[in-house]
Amino acid sequence: MSAKSKSKSGNFFKGVRSELKRVNWPNKKELYSYTVVVIVVCVLVAFGIWIADSVFRVGLEFLLK
């Protein structure tokens, strides 16, 4: 690795570190509520896909009889 590429990677990681210091991290309460929202939305989407799949399956069975 040349000195120039070490300098570039060093600058990159310094930039990453400074950006991470500026991030507004959620507190425990916010993190909990965001996690609950994500889980609920995932369950609802999975349920919707299951319903659509069931409807298509019944429709195909009806058409293929």
PDB file of N, CA and C in Angstrom:
ATOM      1  N   MET A   1       0.849  -1.169   0.000  1.00  0.00           N
ATOM      2  CA  MET A   1       0.000   0.000   0.000  1.00  0.00           C
ATOM      3  C   MET A   1       0.896   1.234   0.000  1.00  0.00           C
ATOM      4  N   SER A   2       0.608   2.151  -0.882  1.00  0.00           N
ATOM      5  CA  SER A   2       1.435   3.354  -0.957  1.00  0.00           C
ATOM      6  C   SER A   2       1.003   4.358   0.111  1.00  0.00           C
ATOM      7  N   ALA A   3       1.841   5.358   0.298  1.00  0.00           N
ATOM      8  CA  ALA A   3       1.551   6.385   1.306  1.00  0.00           C
ATOM      9  C   ALA A   3       0.312   7.182   0.922  1.00  0.00           C
ATOM     10  N   LYS A   4       0.129   7.365  -0.396  1.00  0.00           N
ATOM     11  CA  LYS A   4      -1.018   8.138  -0.865  1.00  0.00           C
ATOM     12  C   LYS A   4      -2.332   7.407  -0.568  1.00  0.00           C
ATOM     13  N   SER A   5      -2.367   6.083  -0.802  1.00  0.00           N
ATOM     14  CA  SER A   5      -3.600   5.334  -0.540  1.00  0.00           C
ATOM     15  C   SER A   5      -3.851   5.208   0.962  1.00  0.00           C
ATOM     16  N   LYS A   6      -2.780   5.132   1.770  1.00  0.00           N
ATOM     17  CA  LYS A   6      -2.966   5.122   3.227  1.00  0.00           C
ATOM     18  C   LYS A   6      -3.574   6.436   3.682  1.00  0.00           C
ATOM     19  N   SER A   7      -3.115   7.523   3.069  1.00  0.00           N
ATOM     20  CA  SER A   7      -3.635   8.842   3.414  1.00  0.00           C
ATOM     21  C   SER A   7      -5.114   8.946   3.054  1.00  0.00           C
ATOM     22  N   LYS A   8      -5.477   8.405   1.876  1.00  0.00           N
ATOM     23  CA  LYS A   8      -6.880   8.456   1.456  1.00  0.00           C
ATOM     24  C   LYS A   8      -7.761   7.640   2.388  1.00  0.00           C
ATOM     25  N   SER A   9      -7.310   6.429   2.736  1.00  0.00           N
ATOM     26  CA  SER A   9      -8.129   5.598   3.624  1.00  0.00           C
ATOM     27  C   SER A   9      -8.190   6.214   5.019  1.00  0.00           C
ATOM     28  N   GLY A  10      -7.105   6.807   5.468  1.00  0.00           N
ATOM     29  CA  GLY A  10      -7.122   7.475   6.776  1.00  0.00           C
ATOM     30  C   GLY A  10      -8.101   8.626   6.795  1.00  0.00           C
ATOM     31  N   ASN A  11      -8.104   9.422   5.706  1.00  0.00           N
ATOM     32  CA  ASN A  11      -9.059  10.531   5.612  1.00  0.00           C
ATOM     33  C   ASN A  11     -10.495  10.023   5.562  1.00  0.00           C
ATOM     34  N   PHE A  12     -10.687   8.917   4.859  1.00  0.00           N
ATOM     35  CA  PHE A  12     -12.031   8.348   4.769  1.00  0.00           C
ATOM     36  C   PHE A  12     -12.536   7.971   6.159  1.00  0.00           C
ATOM     37  N   PHE A  13     -11.720   7.247   6.930  1.00  0.00           N
ATOM     38  CA  PHE A  13     -12.159   6.807   8.254  1.00  0.00           C
ATOM     39  C   PHE A  13     -12.305   7.976   9.218  1.00  0.00           C
ATOM     40  N   LYS A  14     -11.515   9.012   9.057  1.00  0.00           N
ATOM     41  CA  LYS A  14     -11.703  10.217   9.880  1.00  0.00           C
ATOM     42  C   LYS A  14     -13.048  10.859   9.560  1.00  0.00           C
ATOM     43  N   GLY A  15     -13.386  10.889   8.271  1.00  0.00           N
ATOM     44  CA  GLY A  15     -14.678  11.442   7.860  1.00  0.00           C
ATOM     45  C   GLY A  15     -15.837  10.626   8.389  1.00  0.00           C
ATOM     46  N   VAL A  16     -15.686   9.308   8.325  1.00  0.00           N
ATOM     47  CA  VAL A  16     -16.738   8.430   8.850  1.00  0.00           C
ATOM     48  C   VAL A  16     -16.930   8.684  10.335  1.00  0.00           C
ATOM     49  N   ARG A  17     -15.834   8.773  11.048  1.00  0.00           N
ATOM     50  CA  ARG A  17     -15.920   8.990  12.497  1.00  0.00           C
ATOM     51  C   ARG A  17     -16.596  10.323  12.825  1.00  0.00           C
ATOM     52  N   SER A  18     -16.255  11.372  12.084  1.00  0.00           N
ATOM     53  CA  SER A  18     -16.866  12.673  12.362  1.00  0.00           C
ATOM     54  C   SER A  18     -18.357  12.665  12.012  1.00  0.00           C
ATOM     55  N   GLU A  19     -18.739  11.960  10.949  1.00  0.00           N
ATOM     56  CA  GLU A  19     -20.156  11.868  10.594  1.00  0.00           C
ATOM     57  C   GLU A  19     -20.938  11.085  11.642  1.00  0.00           C
ATOM     58  N   LEU A  20     -20.341  10.016  12.164  1.00  0.00           N
ATOM     59  CA  LEU A  20     -21.031   9.218  13.183  1.00  0.00           C
ATOM     60  C   LEU A  20     -21.239  10.012  14.467  1.00  0.00           C
ATOM     61  N   LYS A  21     -20.366  10.973  14.733  1.00  0.00           N
ATOM     62  CA  LYS A  21     -20.551  11.816  15.921  1.00  0.00           C
ATOM     63  C   LYS A  21     -21.747  12.746  15.750  1.00  0.00           C
ATOM     64  N   ARG A  22     -22.078  13.080  14.507  1.00  0.00           N
ATOM     65  CA  ARG A  22     -23.199  13.989  14.243  1.00  0.00           C
ATOM     66  C   ARG A  22     -24.548  13.286  14.201  1.00  0.00           C
ATOM     67  N   VAL A  23     -24.556  11.971  14.162  1.00  0.00           N
ATOM     68  CA  VAL A  23     -25.809  11.224  14.059  1.00  0.00           C
ATOM     69  C   VAL A  23     -26.633  11.417  15.318  1.00  0.00           C
ATOM     70  N   ASN A  24     -27.925  11.636  15.130  1.00  0.00           N
ATOM     71  CA  ASN A  24     -28.852  11.755  16.255  1.00  0.00           C
ATOM     72  C   ASN A  24     -29.386  10.363  16.557  1.00  0.00           C
ATOM     73  N   TRP A  25     -28.704   9.627  17.445  1.00  0.00           N
ATOM     74  CA  TRP A  25     -29.068   8.249  17.745  1.00  0.00           C
ATOM     75  C   TRP A  25     -30.340   8.218  18.577  1.00  0.00           C
ATOM     76  N   PRO A  26     -31.236   7.237  18.346  1.00  0.00           N
ATOM     77  CA  PRO A  26     -32.474   7.156  19.133  1.00  0.00           C
ATOM     78  C   PRO A  26     -32.188   6.686  20.554  1.00  0.00           C
ATOM     79  N   ASN A  27     -33.040   7.155  21.479  1.00  0.00           N
ATOM     80  CA  ASN A  27     -32.903   6.665  22.850  1.00  0.00           C
ATOM     81  C   ASN A  27     -33.637   5.332  22.968  1.00  0.00           C
ATOM     82  N   LYS A  28     -33.631   4.743  24.161  1.00  0.00           N
ATOM     83  CA  LYS A  28     -34.222   3.406  24.338  1.00  0.00           C
ATOM     84  C   LYS A  28     -35.710   3.378  24.006  1.00  0.00           C
ATOM     85  N   LYS A  29     -36.432   4.401  24.428  1.00  0.00           N
ATOM     86  CA  LYS A  29     -37.870   4.454  24.197  1.00  0.00           C
ATOM     87  C   LYS A  29     -38.168   4.533  22.696  1.00  0.00           C
ATOM     88  N   GLU A  30     -37.452   5.400  21.990  1.00  0.00           N
ATOM     89  CA  GLU A  30     -37.643   5.526  20.543  1.00  0.00           C
ATOM     90  C   GLU A  30     -37.269   4.232  19.826  1.00  0.00           C
ATOM     91  N   LEU A  31     -36.159   3.633  20.232  1.00  0.00           N
ATOM     92  CA  LEU A  31     -35.709   2.389  19.619  1.00  0.00           C
ATOM     93  C   LEU A  31     -36.743   1.286  19.798  1.00  0.00           C
ATOM     94  N   TYR A  32     -37.324   1.196  20.978  1.00  0.00           N
ATOM     95  CA  TYR A  32     -38.357   0.205  21.254  1.00  0.00           C
ATOM     96  C   TYR A  32     -39.571   0.438  20.362  1.00  0.00           C
ATOM     97  N   SER A  33     -40.022   1.687  20.272  1.00  0.00           N
ATOM     98  CA  SER A  33     -41.216   1.971  19.473  1.00  0.00           C
ATOM     99  C   SER A  33     -40.948   1.726  17.989  1.00  0.00           C
ATOM    100  N   TYR A  34     -39.763   2.075  17.487  1.00  0.00           N
ATOM    101  CA  TYR A  34     -39.425   1.820  16.080  1.00  0.00           C
ATOM    102  C   TYR A  34     -39.373   0.318  15.810  1.00  0.00           C
ATOM    103  N   THR A  35     -38.842  -0.434  16.749  1.00  0.00           N
ATOM    104  CA  THR A  35     -38.760  -1.882  16.590  1.00  0.00           C
ATOM    105  C   THR A  35     -40.150  -2.496  16.534  1.00  0.00           C
ATOM    106  N   VAL A  36     -41.038  -2.040  17.392  1.00  0.00           N
ATOM    107  CA  VAL A  36     -42.417  -2.549  17.398  1.00  0.00           C
ATOM    108  C   VAL A  36     -43.095  -2.230  16.063  1.00  0.00           C
ATOM    109  N   VAL A  37     -42.899  -1.025  15.567  1.00  0.00           N
ATOM    110  CA  VAL A  37     -43.499  -0.641  14.284  1.00  0.00           C
ATOM    111  C   VAL A  37     -42.990  -1.539  13.161  1.00  0.00           C
ATOM    112  N   VAL A  38     -41.698  -1.791  13.121  1.00  0.00           N
ATOM    113  CA  VAL A  38     -41.126  -2.635  12.070  1.00  0.00           C
ATOM    114  C   VAL A  38     -41.687  -4.050  12.153  1.00  0.00           C
ATOM    115  N   ILE A  39     -41.777  -4.602  13.346  1.00  0.00           N
ATOM    116  CA  ILE A  39     -42.288  -5.966  13.507  1.00  0.00           C
ATOM    117  C   ILE A  39     -43.762  -6.037  13.105  1.00  0.00           C
ATOM    118  N   VAL A  40     -44.558  -5.065  13.519  1.00  0.00           N
ATOM    119  CA  VAL A  40     -45.985  -5.056  13.173  1.00  0.00           C
ATOM    120  C   VAL A  40     -46.170  -4.936  11.661  1.00  0.00           C
ATOM    121  N   VAL A  41     -45.417  -4.056  11.029  1.00  0.00           N
ATOM    122  CA  VAL A  41     -45.533  -3.891   9.576  1.00  0.00           C
ATOM    123  C   VAL A  41     -45.115  -5.167   8.862  1.00  0.00           C
ATOM    124  N   CYS A  42     -44.052  -5.816   9.318  1.00  0.00           N
ATOM    125  CA  CYS A  42     -43.623  -7.080   8.708  1.00  0.00           C
ATOM    126  C   CYS A  42     -44.702  -8.148   8.827  1.00  0.00           C
ATOM    127  N   VAL A  43     -45.335  -8.247   9.989  1.00  0.00           N
ATOM    128  CA  VAL A  43     -46.401  -9.228  10.191  1.00  0.00           C
ATOM    129  C   VAL A  43     -47.593  -8.912   9.283  1.00  0.00           C
ATOM    130  N   LEU A  44     -47.959  -7.634   9.179  1.00  0.00           N
ATOM    131  CA  LEU A  44     -49.083  -7.253   8.327  1.00  0.00           C
ATOM    132  C   LEU A  44     -48.800  -7.535   6.850  1.00  0.00           C
ATOM    133  N   VAL A  45     -47.603  -7.240   6.397  1.00  0.00           N
ATOM    134  CA  VAL A  45     -47.235  -7.521   5.006  1.00  0.00           C
ATOM    135  C   VAL A  45     -47.236  -9.022   4.754  1.00  0.00           C
ATOM    136  N   ALA A  46     -46.695  -9.792   5.683  1.00  0.00           N
ATOM    137  CA  ALA A  46     -46.697 -11.248   5.539  1.00  0.00           C
ATOM    138  C   ALA A  46     -48.124 -11.777   5.487  1.00  0.00           C
ATOM    139  N   PHE A  47     -48.997 -11.254   6.312  1.00  0.00           N
ATOM    140  CA  PHE A  47     -50.400 -11.665   6.311  1.00  0.00           C
ATOM    141  C   PHE A  47     -51.063 -11.322   4.980  1.00  0.00           C
ATOM    142  N   GLY A  48     -50.794 -10.126   4.471  1.00  0.00           N
ATOM    143  CA  GLY A  48     -51.348  -9.720   3.177  1.00  0.00           C
ATOM    144  C   GLY A  48     -50.864 -10.611   2.043  1.00  0.00           C
ATOM    145  N   ILE A  49     -49.598 -10.959   2.050  1.00  0.00           N
ATOM    146  CA  ILE A  49     -49.055 -11.861   1.026  1.00  0.00           C
ATOM    147  C   ILE A  49     -49.691 -13.241   1.151  1.00  0.00           C
ATOM    148  N   TRP A  50     -49.891 -13.711   2.383  1.00  0.00           N
ATOM    149  CA  TRP A  50     -50.514 -15.011   2.601  1.00  0.00           C
ATOM    150  C   TRP A  50     -51.954 -15.014   2.064  1.00  0.00           C
ATOM    151  N   ILE A  51     -52.700 -13.942   2.328  1.00  0.00           N
ATOM    152  CA  ILE A  51     -54.075 -13.830   1.834  1.00  0.00           C
ATOM    153  C   ILE A  51     -54.080 -13.819   0.305  1.00  0.00           C
ATOM    154  N   ALA A  52     -53.218 -13.018  -0.315  1.00  0.00           N
ATOM    155  CA  ALA A  52     -53.158 -12.955  -1.770  1.00  0.00           C
ATOM    156  C   ALA A  52     -52.781 -14.315  -2.356  1.00  0.00           C
ATOM    157  N   ASP A  53     -51.843 -14.991  -1.747  1.00  0.00           N
ATOM    158  CA  ASP A  53     -51.428 -16.311  -2.211  1.00  0.00           C
ATOM    159  C   ASP A  53     -52.575 -17.310  -2.116  1.00  0.00           C
ATOM    160  N   SER A  54     -53.319 -17.253  -1.033  1.00  0.00           N
ATOM    161  CA  SER A  54     -54.461 -18.151  -0.862  1.00  0.00           C
ATOM    162  C   SER A  54     -55.540 -17.889  -1.916  1.00  0.00           C
ATOM    163  N   VAL A  55     -55.798 -16.624  -2.186  1.00  0.00           N
ATOM    164  CA  VAL A  55     -56.799 -16.271  -3.195  1.00  0.00           C
ATOM    165  C   VAL A  55     -56.359 -16.762  -4.570  1.00  0.00           C
ATOM    166  N   PHE A  56     -55.096 -16.548  -4.919  1.00  0.00           N
ATOM    167  CA  PHE A  56     -54.597 -17.017  -6.218  1.00  0.00           C
ATOM    168  C   PHE A  56     -54.636 -18.539  -6.306  1.00  0.00           C
ATOM    169  N   ARG A  57     -54.307 -19.211  -5.219  1.00  0.00           N
ATOM    170  CA  ARG A  57     -54.324 -20.680  -5.221  1.00  0.00           C
ATOM    171  C   ARG A  57     -55.733 -21.200  -5.454  1.00  0.00           C
ATOM    172  N   VAL A  58     -56.701 -20.635  -4.742  1.00  0.00           N
ATOM    173  CA  VAL A  58     -58.084 -21.063  -4.910  1.00  0.00           C
ATOM    174  C   VAL A  58     -58.555 -20.755  -6.327  1.00  0.00           C
ATOM    175  N   GLY A  59     -58.207 -19.591  -6.844  1.00  0.00           N
ATOM    176  CA  GLY A  59     -58.584 -19.220  -8.205  1.00  0.00           C
ATOM    177  C   GLY A  59     -57.995 -20.171  -9.237  1.00  0.00           C
ATOM    178  N   LEU A  60     -56.732 -20.519  -9.080  1.00  0.00           N
ATOM    179  CA  LEU A  60     -56.100 -21.456 -10.022  1.00  0.00           C
ATOM    180  C   LEU A  60     -56.708 -22.839  -9.922  1.00  0.00           C
ATOM    181  N   GLU A  61     -56.993 -23.293  -8.705  1.00  0.00           N
ATOM    182  CA  GLU A  61     -57.640 -24.597  -8.539  1.00  0.00           C
ATOM    183  C   GLU A  61     -59.002 -24.607  -9.208  1.00  0.00           C
ATOM    184  N   PHE A  62     -59.736 -23.509  -9.100  1.00  0.00           N
ATOM    185  CA  PHE A  62     -61.049 -23.404  -9.730  1.00  0.00           C
ATOM    186  C   PHE A  62     -60.918 -23.421 -11.256  1.00  0.00           C
ATOM    187  N   LEU A  63     -59.952 -22.703 -11.784  1.00  0.00           N
ATOM    188  CA  LEU A  63     -59.754 -22.650 -13.239  1.00  0.00           C
ATOM    189  C   LEU A  63     -59.245 -23.967 -13.814  1.00  0.00           C
ATOM    190  N   LEU A  64     -58.456 -24.710 -13.060  1.00  0.00           N
ATOM    191  CA  LEU A  64     -57.865 -25.933 -13.564  1.00  0.00           C
ATOM    192  C   LEU A  64     -58.761 -27.161 -13.408  1.00  0.00           C
ATOM    193  N   LYS A  65     -59.876 -27.018 -12.731  1.00  0.00           N
ATOM    194  CA  LYS A  65     -60.803 -28.149 -12.568  1.00  0.00           C
ATOM    195  C   LYS A  65     -61.621 -28.355 -13.808  1.00  0.00           C
TER     196      LYS A  65
END
